[in-house]
Amino acid sequence: LYSSAQEGMLFLYHIRDLQYEMRICADILQPITSLIFSPDYTTLVLVTDQGTVYTYKPAQRGEAVKLLDACSSCFLAADFLTPGDKYCVSVTISGEVQVCSLEDGTCLSKLNLKIEVPLN
């Protein structure tokens, strides 16, 4: 079970019967608002309340890698573009939808909806 804390930490809870073990996987120093697993469960996408998007690969047990930075407009949400786990689709508060490569964060396509996306 993966969980996040208000402080920006990503936790793994390994649960077996009535026992559990908690491990800190990553600390990105920004509160995490959503965690999304890829369809094959090899990658987690983390979106922060500052609008930055990170990826984390549980099998590699490394640090979370910044994929998209909130420049002019915060990212509200991100998800995997299926099938597969090579691309991520995201939307910003300003209504810009982007498709990016999960390998290096390269923006492959953008579409401006010309409408602000509500926060709730």
PDB file of N, CA and C in Angstrom:
ATOM      1  N   LEU A   1       0.853  -1.165   0.000  1.00  0.00           N
ATOM      2  CA  LEU A   1       0.000   0.000   0.000  1.00  0.00           C
ATOM      3  C   LEU A   1       0.899   1.229   0.000  1.00  0.00           C
ATOM      4  N   TYR A   2       0.705   2.138  -0.967  1.00  0.00           N
ATOM      5  CA  TYR A   2       1.442   3.395  -1.007  1.00  0.00           C
ATOM      6  C   TYR A   2       0.552   4.496  -0.485  1.00  0.00           C
ATOM      7  N   SER A   3       1.147   5.410   0.252  1.00  0.00           N
ATOM      8  CA  SER A   3       0.414   6.517   0.855  1.00  0.00           C
ATOM      9  C   SER A   3       1.324   7.736   0.866  1.00  0.00           C
ATOM     10  N   SER A   4       0.719   8.910   0.995  1.00  0.00           N
ATOM     11  CA  SER A   4       1.527  10.126   1.091  1.00  0.00           C
ATOM     12  C   SER A   4       1.104  10.920   2.312  1.00  0.00           C
ATOM     13  N   ALA A   5       2.004  11.773   2.760  1.00  0.00           N
ATOM     14  CA  ALA A   5       1.752  12.602   3.928  1.00  0.00           C
ATOM     15  C   ALA A   5       1.754  14.067   3.512  1.00  0.00           C
ATOM     16  N   GLN A   6       1.188  14.897   4.346  1.00  0.00           N
ATOM     17  CA  GLN A   6       1.099  16.331   4.085  1.00  0.00           C
ATOM     18  C   GLN A   6       2.479  16.949   3.866  1.00  0.00           C
ATOM     19  N   GLU A   7       3.505  16.367   4.459  1.00  0.00           N
ATOM     20  CA  GLU A   7       4.865  16.910   4.344  1.00  0.00           C
ATOM     21  C   GLU A   7       5.531  16.575   3.021  1.00  0.00           C
ATOM     22  N   GLY A   8       4.889  15.777   2.162  1.00  0.00           N
ATOM     23  CA  GLY A   8       5.471  15.438   0.870  1.00  0.00           C
ATOM     24  C   GLY A   8       6.232  14.132   0.851  1.00  0.00           C
ATOM     25  N   MET A   9       5.991  13.277   1.833  1.00  0.00           N
ATOM     26  CA  MET A   9       6.665  11.983   1.870  1.00  0.00           C
ATOM     27  C   MET A   9       5.769  10.906   1.264  1.00  0.00           C
ATOM     28  N   LEU A  10       6.407  10.002   0.526  1.00  0.00           N
ATOM     29  CA  LEU A  10       5.730   8.843  -0.040  1.00  0.00           C
ATOM     30  C   LEU A  10       6.104   7.641   0.817  1.00  0.00           C
ATOM     31  N   PHE A  11       5.095   6.936   1.342  1.00  0.00           N
ATOM     32  CA  PHE A  11       5.306   5.788   2.210  1.00  0.00           C
ATOM     33  C   PHE A  11       4.848   4.511   1.532  1.00  0.00           C
ATOM     34  N   LEU A  12       5.512   3.416   1.871  1.00  0.00           N
ATOM     35  CA  LEU A  12       5.083   2.076   1.489  1.00  0.00           C
ATOM     36  C   LEU A  12       4.754   1.327   2.772  1.00  0.00           C
ATOM     37  N   TYR A  13       3.553   0.780   2.822  1.00  0.00           N
ATOM     38  CA  TYR A  13       3.140  -0.067   3.934  1.00  0.00           C
ATOM     39  C   TYR A  13       3.100  -1.502   3.417  1.00  0.00           C
ATOM     40  N   HIS A  14       3.961  -2.344   3.947  1.00  0.00           N
ATOM     41  CA  HIS A  14       3.974  -3.762   3.598  1.00  0.00           C
ATOM     42  C   HIS A  14       3.152  -4.472   4.670  1.00  0.00           C
ATOM     43  N   ILE A  15       1.983  -4.985   4.271  1.00  0.00           N
ATOM     44  CA  ILE A  15       1.035  -5.563   5.221  1.00  0.00           C
ATOM     45  C   ILE A  15       0.998  -7.080   5.040  1.00  0.00           C
ATOM     46  N   ARG A  16       1.147  -7.787   6.136  1.00  0.00           N
ATOM     47  CA  ARG A  16       1.071  -9.247   6.131  1.00  0.00           C
ATOM     48  C   ARG A  16       0.324  -9.668   7.395  1.00  0.00           C
ATOM     49  N   ASP A  17      -0.809 -10.323   7.199  1.00  0.00           N
ATOM     50  CA  ASP A  17      -1.675 -10.736   8.303  1.00  0.00           C
ATOM     51  C   ASP A  17      -2.029  -9.503   9.149  1.00  0.00           C
ATOM     52  N   LEU A  18      -1.719  -9.533  10.444  1.00  0.00           N
ATOM     53  CA  LEU A  18      -2.026  -8.400  11.321  1.00  0.00           C
ATOM     54  C   LEU A  18      -0.807  -7.513  11.573  1.00  0.00           C
ATOM     55  N   GLN A  19       0.290  -7.768  10.865  1.00  0.00           N
ATOM     56  CA  GLN A  19       1.526  -7.004  11.023  1.00  0.00           C
ATOM     57  C   GLN A  19       1.732  -6.088   9.820  1.00  0.00           C
ATOM     58  N   TYR A  20       2.397  -4.981  10.038  1.00  0.00           N
ATOM     59  CA  TYR A  20       2.763  -4.125   8.911  1.00  0.00           C
ATOM     60  C   TYR A  20       4.119  -3.492   9.168  1.00  0.00           C
ATOM     61  N   GLU A  21       4.763  -3.151   8.077  1.00  0.00           N
ATOM     62  CA  GLU A  21       6.054  -2.469   8.125  1.00  0.00           C
ATOM     63  C   GLU A  21       5.939  -1.232   7.250  1.00  0.00           C
ATOM     64  N   MET A  22       6.384  -0.085   7.747  1.00  0.00           N
ATOM     65  CA  MET A  22       6.311   1.165   6.996  1.00  0.00           C
ATOM     66  C   MET A  22       7.719   1.580   6.577  1.00  0.00           C
ATOM     67  N   ARG A  23       7.830   2.033   5.314  1.00  0.00           N
ATOM     68  CA  ARG A  23       9.112   2.501   4.801  1.00  0.00           C
ATOM     69  C   ARG A  23       8.888   3.808   4.057  1.00  0.00           C
ATOM     70  N   ILE A  24       9.787   4.766   4.245  1.00  0.00           N
ATOM     71  CA  ILE A  24       9.731   6.018   3.482  1.00  0.00           C
ATOM     72  C   ILE A  24      10.399   5.762   2.136  1.00  0.00           C
ATOM     73  N   CYS A  25       9.670   6.016   1.052  1.00  0.00           N
ATOM     74  CA  CYS A  25      10.196   5.777  -0.296  1.00  0.00           C
ATOM     75  C   CYS A  25      10.813   7.028  -0.905  1.00  0.00           C
ATOM     76  N   ALA A  26      10.169   8.167  -0.690  1.00  0.00           N
ATOM     77  CA  ALA A  26      10.652   9.412  -1.293  1.00  0.00           C
ATOM     78  C   ALA A  26      10.165  10.588  -0.470  1.00  0.00           C
ATOM     79  N   ASP A  27      10.927  11.655  -0.498  1.00  0.00           N
ATOM     80  CA  ASP A  27      10.543  12.908   0.164  1.00  0.00           C
ATOM     81  C   ASP A  27      10.722  14.020  -0.857  1.00  0.00           C
ATOM     82  N   ILE A  28       9.595  14.567  -1.345  1.00  0.00           N
ATOM     83  CA  ILE A  28       9.683  15.590  -2.387  1.00  0.00           C
ATOM     84  C   ILE A  28       9.437  17.000  -1.857  1.00  0.00           C
ATOM     85  N   LEU A  29       9.245  17.122  -0.553  1.00  0.00           N
ATOM     86  CA  LEU A  29       9.170  18.417   0.126  1.00  0.00           C
ATOM     87  C   LEU A  29       7.970  19.277  -0.285  1.00  0.00           C
ATOM     88  N   GLN A  30       6.996  18.699  -0.934  1.00  0.00           N
ATOM     89  CA  GLN A  30       5.749  19.388  -1.282  1.00  0.00           C
ATOM     90  C   GLN A  30       4.609  18.427  -1.006  1.00  0.00           C
ATOM     91  N   PRO A  31       3.524  18.876  -0.411  1.00  0.00           N
ATOM     92  CA  PRO A  31       2.399  17.981  -0.161  1.00  0.00           C
ATOM     93  C   PRO A  31       1.903  17.330  -1.459  1.00  0.00           C
ATOM     94  N   ILE A  32       1.697  16.022  -1.415  1.00  0.00           N
ATOM     95  CA  ILE A  32       1.245  15.249  -2.571  1.00  0.00           C
ATOM     96  C   ILE A  32      -0.280  15.207  -2.559  1.00  0.00           C
ATOM     97  N   THR A  33      -0.896  15.596  -3.676  1.00  0.00           N
ATOM     98  CA  THR A  33      -2.358  15.613  -3.750  1.00  0.00           C
ATOM     99  C   THR A  33      -2.931  14.381  -4.418  1.00  0.00           C
ATOM    100  N   SER A  34      -2.144  13.708  -5.265  1.00  0.00           N
ATOM    101  CA  SER A  34      -2.643  12.473  -5.866  1.00  0.00           C
ATOM    102  C   SER A  34      -1.503  11.545  -6.260  1.00  0.00           C
ATOM    103  N   LEU A  35      -1.806  10.244  -6.194  1.00  0.00           N
ATOM    104  CA  LEU A  35      -0.898   9.171  -6.583  1.00  0.00           C
ATOM    105  C   LEU A  35      -1.626   8.342  -7.627  1.00  0.00           C
ATOM    106  N   ILE A  36      -0.994   8.086  -8.752  1.00  0.00           N
ATOM    107  CA  ILE A  36      -1.619   7.299  -9.813  1.00  0.00           C
ATOM    108  C   ILE A  36      -0.626   6.238 -10.270  1.00  0.00           C
ATOM    109  N   PHE A  37      -1.034   4.968 -10.225  1.00  0.00           N
ATOM    110  CA  PHE A  37      -0.192   3.884 -10.717  1.00  0.00           C
ATOM    111  C   PHE A  37      -0.386   3.699 -12.212  1.00  0.00           C
ATOM    112  N   SER A  38       0.690   3.343 -12.907  1.00  0.00           N
ATOM    113  CA  SER A  38       0.592   2.977 -14.321  1.00  0.00           C
ATOM    114  C   SER A  38      -0.204   1.684 -14.437  1.00  0.00           C
ATOM    115  N   PRO A  39      -0.766   1.412 -15.611  1.00  0.00           N
ATOM    116  CA  PRO A  39      -1.553   0.183 -15.787  1.00  0.00           C
ATOM    117  C   PRO A  39      -0.791  -1.097 -15.449  1.00  0.00           C
ATOM    118  N   ASP A  40       0.527  -1.101 -15.642  1.00  0.00           N
ATOM    119  CA  ASP A  40       1.315  -2.300 -15.320  1.00  0.00           C
ATOM    120  C   ASP A  40       1.960  -2.217 -13.929  1.00  0.00           C
ATOM    121  N   TYR A  41       1.614  -1.203 -13.162  1.00  0.00           N
ATOM    122  CA  TYR A  41       2.078  -1.012 -11.784  1.00  0.00           C
ATOM    123  C   TYR A  41       3.596  -0.868 -11.653  1.00  0.00           C
ATOM    124  N   THR A  42       4.262  -0.374 -12.682  1.00  0.00           N
ATOM    125  CA  THR A  42       5.715  -0.183 -12.593  1.00  0.00           C
ATOM    126  C   THR A  42       6.096   1.245 -12.225  1.00  0.00           C
ATOM    127  N   THR A  43       5.171   2.186 -12.403  1.00  0.00           N
ATOM    128  CA  THR A  43       5.473   3.598 -12.169  1.00  0.00           C
ATOM    129  C   THR A  43       4.324   4.273 -11.440  1.00  0.00           C
ATOM    130  N   LEU A  44       4.677   5.133 -10.508  1.00  0.00           N
ATOM    131  CA  LEU A  44       3.706   5.986  -9.826  1.00  0.00           C
ATOM    132  C   LEU A  44       3.887   7.408 -10.329  1.00  0.00           C
ATOM    133  N   VAL A  45       2.806   8.101 -10.614  1.00  0.00           N
ATOM    134  CA  VAL A  45       2.857   9.531 -10.901  1.00  0.00           C
ATOM    135  C   VAL A  45       2.341  10.238  -9.655  1.00  0.00           C
ATOM    136  N   LEU A  46       3.107  11.217  -9.176  1.00  0.00           N
ATOM    137  CA  LEU A  46       2.751  11.990  -7.994  1.00  0.00           C
ATOM    138  C   LEU A  46       2.507  13.430  -8.417  1.00  0.00           C
ATOM    139  N   VAL A  47       1.368  14.000  -8.017  1.00  0.00           N
ATOM    140  CA  VAL A  47       1.066  15.402  -8.302  1.00  0.00           C
ATOM    141  C   VAL A  47       1.045  16.131  -6.964  1.00  0.00           C
ATOM    142  N   THR A  48       1.748  17.274  -6.885  1.00  0.00           N
ATOM    143  CA  THR A  48       1.830  18.019  -5.630  1.00  0.00           C
ATOM    144  C   THR A  48       0.826  19.167  -5.614  1.00  0.00           C
ATOM    145  N   ASP A  49       0.630  19.735  -4.430  1.00  0.00           N
ATOM    146  CA  ASP A  49      -0.281  20.875  -4.325  1.00  0.00           C
ATOM    147  C   ASP A  49       0.312  22.136  -4.952  1.00  0.00           C
ATOM    148  N   GLN A  50       1.610  22.108  -5.261  1.00  0.00           N
ATOM    149  CA  GLN A  50       2.260  23.213  -5.958  1.00  0.00           C
ATOM    150  C   GLN A  50       2.124  23.060  -7.473  1.00  0.00           C
ATOM    151  N   GLY A  51       1.589  21.899  -7.909  1.00  0.00           N
ATOM    152  CA  GLY A  51       1.367  21.674  -9.326  1.00  0.00           C
ATOM    153  C   GLY A  51       2.513  21.000 -10.046  1.00  0.00           C
ATOM    154  N   THR A  52       3.474  20.464  -9.314  1.00  0.00           N
ATOM    155  CA  THR A  52       4.593  19.775  -9.933  1.00  0.00           C
ATOM    156  C   THR A  52       4.259  18.281 -10.041  1.00  0.00           C
ATOM    157  N   VAL A  53       4.713  17.641 -11.115  1.00  0.00           N
ATOM    158  CA  VAL A  53       4.453  16.220 -11.350  1.00  0.00           C
ATOM    159  C   VAL A  53       5.771  15.456 -11.251  1.00  0.00           C
ATOM    160  N   TYR A  54       5.772  14.381 -10.459  1.00  0.00           N
ATOM    161  CA  TYR A  54       6.942  13.524 -10.273  1.00  0.00           C
ATOM    162  C   TYR A  54       6.594  12.097 -10.689  1.00  0.00           C
ATOM    163  N   THR A  55       7.618  11.317 -11.033  1.00  0.00           N
ATOM    164  CA  THR A  55       7.440   9.883 -11.238  1.00  0.00           C
ATOM    165  C   THR A  55       8.287   9.148 -10.207  1.00  0.00           C
ATOM    166  N   TYR A  56       7.811   7.976  -9.826  1.00  0.00           N
ATOM    167  CA  TYR A  56       8.536   7.127  -8.883  1.00  0.00           C
ATOM    168  C   TYR A  56       8.389   5.684  -9.349  1.00  0.00           C
ATOM    169  N   LYS A  57       9.514   4.973  -9.438  1.00  0.00           N
ATOM    170  CA  LYS A  57       9.507   3.572  -9.867  1.00  0.00           C
ATOM    171  C   LYS A  57       9.790   2.694  -8.653  1.00  0.00           C
ATOM    172  N   PRO A  58       8.744   2.044  -8.111  1.00  0.00           N
ATOM    173  CA  PRO A  58       8.912   1.234  -6.890  1.00  0.00           C
ATOM    174  C   PRO A  58       9.980   0.152  -6.996  1.00  0.00           C
ATOM    175  N   ALA A  59      10.123  -0.503  -8.129  1.00  0.00           N
ATOM    176  CA  ALA A  59      11.098  -1.584  -8.263  1.00  0.00           C
ATOM    177  C   ALA A  59      12.533  -1.071  -8.168  1.00  0.00           C
ATOM    178  N   GLN A  60      12.760   0.184  -8.531  1.00  0.00           N
ATOM    179  CA  GLN A  60      14.113   0.735  -8.510  1.00  0.00           C
ATOM    180  C   GLN A  60      14.467   1.347  -7.163  1.00  0.00           C
ATOM    181  N   ARG A  61      13.467   1.625  -6.344  1.00  0.00           N
ATOM    182  CA  ARG A  61      13.656   2.184  -5.001  1.00  0.00           C
ATOM    183  C   ARG A  61      14.566   3.400  -4.977  1.00  0.00           C
ATOM    184  N   GLY A  62      14.480   4.218  -6.005  1.00  0.00           N
ATOM    185  CA  GLY A  62      15.269   5.444  -6.047  1.00  0.00           C
ATOM    186  C   GLY A  62      14.437   6.621  -5.586  1.00  0.00           C
ATOM    187  N   GLU A  63      14.884   7.780  -5.915  1.00  0.00           N
ATOM    188  CA  GLU A  63      14.152   8.994  -5.584  1.00  0.00           C
ATOM    189  C   GLU A  63      13.065   9.254  -6.615  1.00  0.00           C
ATOM    190  N   ALA A  64      12.098  10.052  -6.231  1.00  0.00           N
ATOM    191  CA  ALA A  64      11.096  10.521  -7.183  1.00  0.00           C
ATOM    192  C   ALA A  64      11.779  11.507  -8.128  1.00  0.00           C
ATOM    193  N   VAL A  65      11.414  11.446  -9.409  1.00  0.00           N
ATOM    194  CA  VAL A  65      12.035  12.282 -10.432  1.00  0.00           C
ATOM    195  C   VAL A  65      11.021  13.309 -10.912  1.00  0.00           C
ATOM    196  N   LYS A  66      11.437  14.576 -10.916  1.00  0.00           N
ATOM    197  CA  LYS A  66      10.550  15.637 -11.387  1.00  0.00           C
ATOM    198  C   LYS A  66      10.324  15.477 -12.881  1.00  0.00           C
ATOM    199  N   LEU A  67       9.054  15.373 -13.265  1.00  0.00           N
ATOM    200  CA  LEU A  67       8.699  15.194 -14.670  1.00  0.00           C
ATOM    201  C   LEU A  67       8.264  16.517 -15.271  1.00  0.00           C
ATOM    202  N   LEU A  68       7.346  17.199 -14.611  1.00  0.00           N
ATOM    203  CA  LEU A  68       6.821  18.470 -15.089  1.00  0.00           C
ATOM    204  C   LEU A  68       6.853  19.469 -13.948  1.00  0.00           C
ATOM    205  N   ASP A  69       7.328  20.671 -14.236  1.00  0.00           N
ATOM    206  CA  ASP A  69       7.396  21.710 -13.220  1.00  0.00           C
ATOM    207  C   ASP A  69       6.270  22.701 -13.458  1.00  0.00           C
ATOM    208  N   ALA A  70       5.685  23.160 -12.378  1.00  0.00           N
ATOM    209  CA  ALA A  70       4.620  24.149 -12.478  1.00  0.00           C
ATOM    210  C   ALA A  70       5.249  25.497 -12.798  1.00  0.00           C
ATOM    211  N   CYS A  71       5.236  25.865 -14.057  1.00  0.00           N
ATOM    212  CA  CYS A  71       5.852  27.130 -14.469  1.00  0.00           C
ATOM    213  C   CYS A  71       4.836  28.255 -14.350  1.00  0.00           C
ATOM    214  N   SER A  72       4.059  28.462 -15.373  1.00  0.00           N
ATOM    215  CA  SER A  72       3.113  29.559 -15.359  1.00  0.00           C
ATOM    216  C   SER A  72       1.756  29.147 -14.805  1.00  0.00           C
ATOM    217  N   SER A  73       1.469  27.873 -14.787  1.00  0.00           N
ATOM    218  CA  SER A  73       0.172  27.404 -14.312  1.00  0.00           C
ATOM    219  C   SER A  73       0.344  26.036 -13.661  1.00  0.00           C
ATOM    220  N   CYS A  74      -0.264  25.862 -12.507  1.00  0.00           N
ATOM    221  CA  CYS A  74      -0.125  24.606 -11.768  1.00  0.00           C
ATOM    222  C   CYS A  74      -0.849  23.455 -12.448  1.00  0.00           C
ATOM    223  N   PHE A  75      -0.224  22.288 -12.396  1.00  0.00           N
ATOM    224  CA  PHE A  75      -0.866  21.074 -12.884  1.00  0.00           C
ATOM    225  C   PHE A  75      -1.874  20.629 -11.837  1.00  0.00           C
ATOM    226  N   LEU A  76      -3.101  20.401 -12.258  1.00  0.00           N
ATOM    227  CA  LEU A  76      -4.138  19.943 -11.341  1.00  0.00           C
ATOM    228  C   LEU A  76      -4.171  18.437 -11.229  1.00  0.00           C
ATOM    229  N   ALA A  77      -3.970  17.772 -12.346  1.00  0.00           N
ATOM    230  CA  ALA A  77      -4.069  16.311 -12.356  1.00  0.00           C
ATOM    231  C   ALA A  77      -3.212  15.760 -13.475  1.00  0.00           C
ATOM    232  N   ALA A  78      -2.851  14.502 -13.295  1.00  0.00           N
ATOM    233  CA  ALA A  78      -2.088  13.795 -14.320  1.00  0.00           C
ATOM    234  C   ALA A  78      -2.501  12.337 -14.270  1.00  0.00           C
ATOM    235  N   ASP A  79      -2.378  11.671 -15.391  1.00  0.00           N
ATOM    236  CA  ASP A  79      -2.693  10.251 -15.452  1.00  0.00           C
ATOM    237  C   ASP A  79      -1.934   9.644 -16.616  1.00  0.00           C
ATOM    238  N   PHE A  80      -1.895   8.341 -16.659  1.00  0.00           N
ATOM    239  CA  PHE A  80      -1.222   7.636 -17.741  1.00  0.00           C
ATOM    240  C   PHE A  80      -2.116   7.605 -18.957  1.00  0.00           C
ATOM    241  N   LEU A  81      -1.497   7.762 -20.114  1.00  0.00           N
ATOM    242  CA  LEU A  81      -2.201   7.641 -21.379  1.00  0.00           C
ATOM    243  C   LEU A  81      -2.061   6.187 -21.793  1.00  0.00           C
ATOM    244  N   THR A  82      -3.153   5.461 -21.711  1.00  0.00           N
ATOM    245  CA  THR A  82      -3.103   4.025 -21.965  1.00  0.00           C
ATOM    246  C   THR A  82      -3.486   3.714 -23.402  1.00  0.00           C
ATOM    247  N   PRO A  83      -3.089   2.572 -23.942  1.00  0.00           N
ATOM    248  CA  PRO A  83      -2.406   1.481 -23.261  1.00  0.00           C
ATOM    249  C   PRO A  83      -0.932   1.790 -23.057  1.00  0.00           C
ATOM    250  N   GLY A  84      -0.338   1.098 -22.134  1.00  0.00           N
ATOM    251  CA  GLY A  84       1.084   1.269 -21.860  1.00  0.00           C
ATOM    252  C   GLY A  84       1.348   2.246 -20.736  1.00  0.00           C
ATOM    253  N   ASP A  85       2.621   2.533 -20.524  1.00  0.00           N
ATOM    254  CA  ASP A  85       3.016   3.448 -19.449  1.00  0.00           C
ATOM    255  C   ASP A  85       4.163   4.355 -19.900  1.00  0.00           C
ATOM    256  N   LYS A  86       4.121   4.768 -21.170  1.00  0.00           N
ATOM    257  CA  LYS A  86       5.188   5.612 -21.706  1.00  0.00           C
ATOM    258  C   LYS A  86       4.817   7.093 -21.740  1.00  0.00           C
ATOM    259  N   TYR A  87       3.514   7.385 -21.639  1.00  0.00           N
ATOM    260  CA  TYR A  87       3.052   8.761 -21.779  1.00  0.00           C
ATOM    261  C   TYR A  87       2.131   9.151 -20.644  1.00  0.00           C
ATOM    262  N   CYS A  88       2.173  10.434 -20.337  1.00  0.00           N
ATOM    263  CA  CYS A  88       1.366  11.004 -19.262  1.00  0.00           C
ATOM    264  C   CYS A  88       0.542  12.150 -19.851  1.00  0.00           C
ATOM    265  N   VAL A  89      -0.714  12.254 -19.446  1.00  0.00           N
ATOM    266  CA  VAL A  89      -1.549  13.380 -19.852  1.00  0.00           C
ATOM    267  C   VAL A  89      -1.831  14.197 -18.591  1.00  0.00           C
ATOM    268  N   SER A  90      -1.751  15.512 -18.706  1.00  0.00           N
ATOM    269  CA  SER A  90      -1.967  16.379 -17.557  1.00  0.00           C
ATOM    270  C   SER A  90      -2.814  17.576 -17.965  1.00  0.00           C
ATOM    271  N   VAL A  91      -3.410  18.220 -16.961  1.00  0.00           N
ATOM    272  CA  VAL A  91      -4.199  19.423 -17.201  1.00  0.00           C
ATOM    273  C   VAL A  91      -3.785  20.462 -16.162  1.00  0.00           C
ATOM    274  N   THR A  92      -3.693  21.716 -16.609  1.00  0.00           N
ATOM    275  CA  THR A  92      -3.313  22.811 -15.725  1.00  0.00           C
ATOM    276  C   THR A  92      -4.543  23.623 -15.355  1.00  0.00           C
ATOM    277  N   ILE A  93      -4.390  24.473 -14.349  1.00  0.00           N
ATOM    278  CA  ILE A  93      -5.480  25.353 -13.922  1.00  0.00           C
ATOM    279  C   ILE A  93      -5.938  26.234 -15.072  1.00  0.00           C
ATOM    280  N   SER A  94      -5.019  26.654 -15.927  1.00  0.00           N
ATOM    281  CA  SER A  94      -5.359  27.551 -17.035  1.00  0.00           C
ATOM    282  C   SER A  94      -6.062  26.833 -18.185  1.00  0.00           C
ATOM    283  N   GLY A  95      -6.196  25.487 -18.090  1.00  0.00           N
ATOM    284  CA  GLY A  95      -6.913  24.740 -19.113  1.00  0.00           C
ATOM    285  C   GLY A  95      -6.033  24.170 -20.209  1.00  0.00           C
ATOM    286  N   GLU A  96      -4.746  24.076 -19.971  1.00  0.00           N
ATOM    287  CA  GLU A  96      -3.847  23.495 -20.958  1.00  0.00           C
ATOM    288  C   GLU A  96      -3.697  21.996 -20.699  1.00  0.00           C
ATOM    289  N   VAL A  97      -3.976  21.197 -21.708  1.00  0.00           N
ATOM    290  CA  VAL A  97      -3.823  19.744 -21.631  1.00  0.00           C
ATOM    291  C   VAL A  97      -2.526  19.400 -22.355  1.00  0.00           C
ATOM    292  N   GLN A  98      -1.689  18.572 -21.704  1.00  0.00           N
ATOM    293  CA  GLN A  98      -0.400  18.209 -22.288  1.00  0.00           C
ATOM    294  C   GLN A  98      -0.221  16.699 -22.287  1.00  0.00           C
ATOM    295  N   VAL A  99       0.450  16.197 -23.299  1.00  0.00           N
ATOM    296  CA  VAL A  99       0.888  14.803 -23.331  1.00  0.00           C
ATOM    297  C   VAL A  99       2.410  14.843 -23.294  1.00  0.00           C
ATOM    298  N   CYS A 100       2.989  14.138 -22.308  1.00  0.00           N
ATOM    299  CA  CYS A 100       4.444  14.151 -22.124  1.00  0.00           C
ATOM    300  C   CYS A 100       4.982  12.737 -22.065  1.00  0.00           C
ATOM    301  N   SER A 101       6.247  12.607 -22.438  1.00  0.00           N
ATOM    302  CA  SER A 101       6.964  11.340 -22.328  1.00  0.00           C
ATOM    303  C   SER A 101       7.343  11.141 -20.868  1.00  0.00           C
ATOM    304  N   LEU A 102       7.117   9.958 -20.338  1.00  0.00           N
ATOM    305  CA  LEU A 102       7.500   9.668 -18.960  1.00  0.00           C
ATOM    306  C   LEU A 102       8.990   9.377 -18.837  1.00  0.00           C
ATOM    307  N   GLU A 103       9.672   9.139 -19.933  1.00  0.00           N
ATOM    308  CA  GLU A 103      11.106   8.869 -19.890  1.00  0.00           C
ATOM    309  C   GLU A 103      11.908  10.116 -19.558  1.00  0.00           C
ATOM    310  N   ASP A 104      11.578  11.237 -20.203  1.00  0.00           N
ATOM    311  CA  ASP A 104      12.373  12.445 -19.997  1.00  0.00           C
ATOM    312  C   ASP A 104      11.557  13.720 -19.799  1.00  0.00           C
ATOM    313  N   GLY A 105      10.228  13.606 -19.747  1.00  0.00           N
ATOM    314  CA  GLY A 105       9.382  14.769 -19.519  1.00  0.00           C
ATOM    315  C   GLY A 105       9.147  15.628 -20.740  1.00  0.00           C
ATOM    316  N   THR A 106       9.596  15.185 -21.907  1.00  0.00           N
ATOM    317  CA  THR A 106       9.414  15.946 -23.136  1.00  0.00           C
ATOM    318  C   THR A 106       7.931  16.116 -23.430  1.00  0.00           C
ATOM    319  N   CYS A 107       7.531  17.354 -23.679  1.00  0.00           N
ATOM    320  CA  CYS A 107       6.142  17.625 -24.050  1.00  0.00           C
ATOM    321  C   CYS A 107       5.961  17.247 -25.514  1.00  0.00           C
ATOM    322  N   LEU A 108       5.043  16.317 -25.766  1.00  0.00           N
ATOM    323  CA  LEU A 108       4.815  15.833 -27.123  1.00  0.00           C
ATOM    324  C   LEU A 108       3.658  16.547 -27.807  1.00  0.00           C
ATOM    325  N   SER A 109       2.709  17.044 -27.007  1.00  0.00           N
ATOM    326  CA  SER A 109       1.542  17.697 -27.579  1.00  0.00           C
ATOM    327  C   SER A 109       0.869  18.560 -26.523  1.00  0.00           C
ATOM    328  N   LYS A 110       0.285  19.675 -26.961  1.00  0.00           N
ATOM    329  CA  LYS A 110      -0.443  20.584 -26.072  1.00  0.00           C
ATOM    330  C   LYS A 110      -1.748  20.985 -26.719  1.00  0.00           C
ATOM    331  N   LEU A 111      -2.738  21.190 -25.890  1.00  0.00           N
ATOM    332  CA  LEU A 111      -4.023  21.696 -26.359  1.00  0.00           C
ATOM    333  C   LEU A 111      -4.525  22.666 -25.313  1.00  0.00           C
ATOM    334  N   ASN A 112      -4.793  23.903 -25.722  1.00  0.00           N
ATOM    335  CA  ASN A 112      -5.309  24.900 -24.796  1.00  0.00           C
ATOM    336  C   ASN A 112      -6.827  24.935 -24.933  1.00  0.00           C
ATOM    337  N   LEU A 113      -7.520  24.594 -23.837  1.00  0.00           N
ATOM    338  CA  LEU A 113      -8.980  24.564 -23.844  1.00  0.00           C
ATOM    339  C   LEU A 113      -9.595  25.958 -23.758  1.00  0.00           C
ATOM    340  N   LYS A 114      -8.760  26.960 -23.486  1.00  0.00           N
ATOM    341  CA  LYS A 114      -9.182  28.360 -23.373  1.00  0.00           C
ATOM    342  C   LYS A 114     -10.302  28.547 -22.341  1.00  0.00           C
ATOM    343  N   ILE A 115     -10.181  27.788 -21.257  1.00  0.00           N
ATOM    344  CA  ILE A 115     -11.104  27.913 -20.139  1.00  0.00           C
ATOM    345  C   ILE A 115     -10.364  27.454 -18.897  1.00  0.00           C
ATOM    346  N   GLU A 116     -10.566  28.166 -17.772  1.00  0.00           N
ATOM    347  CA  GLU A 116      -9.937  27.761 -16.530  1.00  0.00           C
ATOM    348  C   GLU A 116     -10.638  26.527 -15.992  1.00  0.00           C
ATOM    349  N   VAL A 117      -9.830  25.635 -15.429  1.00  0.00           N
ATOM    350  CA  VAL A 117     -10.350  24.407 -14.840  1.00  0.00           C
ATOM    351  C   VAL A 117     -10.617  24.685 -13.356  1.00  0.00           C
ATOM    352  N   PRO A 118     -11.835  24.429 -12.873  1.00  0.00           N
ATOM    353  CA  PRO A 118     -12.125  24.690 -11.449  1.00  0.00           C
ATOM    354  C   PRO A 118     -11.345  23.745 -10.554  1.00  0.00           C
ATOM    355  N   LEU A 119     -11.003  24.216  -9.354  1.00  0.00           N
ATOM    356  CA  LEU A 119     -10.212  23.431  -8.409  1.00  0.00           C
ATOM    357  C   LEU A 119     -11.006  22.313  -7.750  1.00  0.00           C
ATOM    358  N   ASN A 120     -12.316  22.354  -7.709  1.00  0.00           N
ATOM    359  CA  ASN A 120     -13.052  21.288  -7.022  1.00  0.00           C
ATOM    360  C   ASN A 120     -13.748  20.389  -7.958  1.00  0.00           C
TER     361      ASN A 120
END
